[in-house]
């Protein structure tokens, strides 16, 4: 009987840890989405003022997102 209560305690602790990891991952994804929106609006402003063409904007978007993903991987 004592073994079962220890197993329950270990499982409850593991569930707590996994919940904390999941919560942390959601916060990171929100920060990533905000960074993507900032890049999008920056490029959109340049496009609206006709500083860059549509093709240049697409190329710039891909380049900045690729750089952002590399930065997040570190």
Protein backbone atom coordinates (compact mmCIF):
# COMPACT_ATOMS: atom_id res chain seq x y z
CA UNK A 1 0.00 0.00 0.00
CA UNK A 2 2.87 2.31 0.76
CA UNK A 3 4.32 1.76 -2.73
CA UNK A 4 1.10 2.93 -4.39
CA UNK A 5 1.08 6.19 -2.45
CA UNK A 6 4.70 6.84 -3.46
CA UNK A 7 3.84 6.15 -7.10
CA UNK A 8 0.91 8.59 -6.91
CA UNK A 9 3.17 11.23 -5.37
CA UNK A 10 5.79 10.78 -8.12
CA UNK A 11 3.12 10.93 -10.85
CA UNK A 12 1.60 14.09 -9.36
CA UNK A 13 5.04 15.70 -9.25
CA UNK A 14 5.71 14.72 -12.90
CA UNK A 15 2.35 16.19 -13.93
CA UNK A 16 3.22 19.44 -12.17
CA UNK A 17 6.59 19.64 -13.94
CA UNK A 18 5.06 18.90 -17.36
CA UNK A 19 2.41 21.56 -16.79
CA UNK A 20 5.08 24.13 -15.98
CA UNK A 21 7.05 23.23 -19.12
CA UNK A 22 3.93 23.57 -21.26
CA UNK A 23 3.12 26.97 -19.77
CA UNK A 24 6.65 28.18 -20.44
CA UNK A 25 6.46 26.98 -24.06
CA UNK A 26 3.21 28.92 -24.61
CA UNK A 27 4.80 32.12 -23.30
CA UNK A 28 7.73 31.68 -25.70
CA UNK A 29 5.40 31.18 -28.65
CA UNK A 30 3.54 34.40 -27.77
CA UNK A 31 6.83 36.31 -27.73
CA UNK A 32 7.76 34.82 -31.10
CA UNK A 33 4.40 35.85 -32.58
CA UNK A 34 4.87 39.41 -31.32
CA UNK A 35 8.32 39.57 -32.91
CA UNK A 36 6.87 38.30 -36.20
CA UNK A 37 4.15 40.97 -36.09
CA UNK A 38 6.76 43.67 -35.45
CA UNK A 39 8.75 42.53 -38.50
CA UNK A 40 5.56 42.39 -40.58
CA UNK A 41 4.51 45.93 -39.69
CA UNK A 42 8.02 47.25 -40.28
CA UNK A 43 8.08 45.76 -43.79
CA UNK A 44 4.49 46.85 -44.44
CA UNK A 45 5.40 50.45 -43.58
CA UNK A 46 8.34 50.37 -45.99
CA UNK A 47 6.09 48.91 -48.68
CA UNK A 48 3.40 51.54 -48.08
CA UNK A 49 5.88 54.38 -48.48
CA UNK A 50 7.15 52.68 -51.64
CA UNK A 51 10.71 52.41 -50.32
CA UNK A 52 10.77 48.78 -51.47
CA UNK A 53 8.93 46.69 -54.04
CA UNK A 54 6.69 43.74 -53.31
CA UNK A 55 9.38 41.27 -54.36
CA UNK A 56 11.93 42.97 -52.10
CA UNK A 57 9.43 42.90 -49.24
CA UNK A 58 8.90 39.16 -49.71
CA UNK A 59 12.64 38.54 -49.81
CA UNK A 60 13.15 40.69 -46.71
CA UNK A 61 10.36 38.87 -44.84
CA UNK A 62 11.89 35.47 -45.54
CA UNK A 63 15.35 36.68 -44.55
CA UNK A 64 14.21 38.23 -41.26
CA UNK A 65 12.05 35.25 -40.28
CA UNK A 66 14.94 32.89 -41.01
CA UNK A 67 17.19 35.05 -38.83
CA UNK A 68 14.55 35.12 -36.08
CA UNK A 69 14.26 31.32 -36.08
CA UNK A 70 18.05 30.99 -35.81
CA UNK A 71 18.02 33.44 -32.93
CA UNK A 72 15.27 31.52 -31.13
CA UNK A 73 17.15 28.24 -31.56
CA UNK A 74 20.10 29.59 -29.55
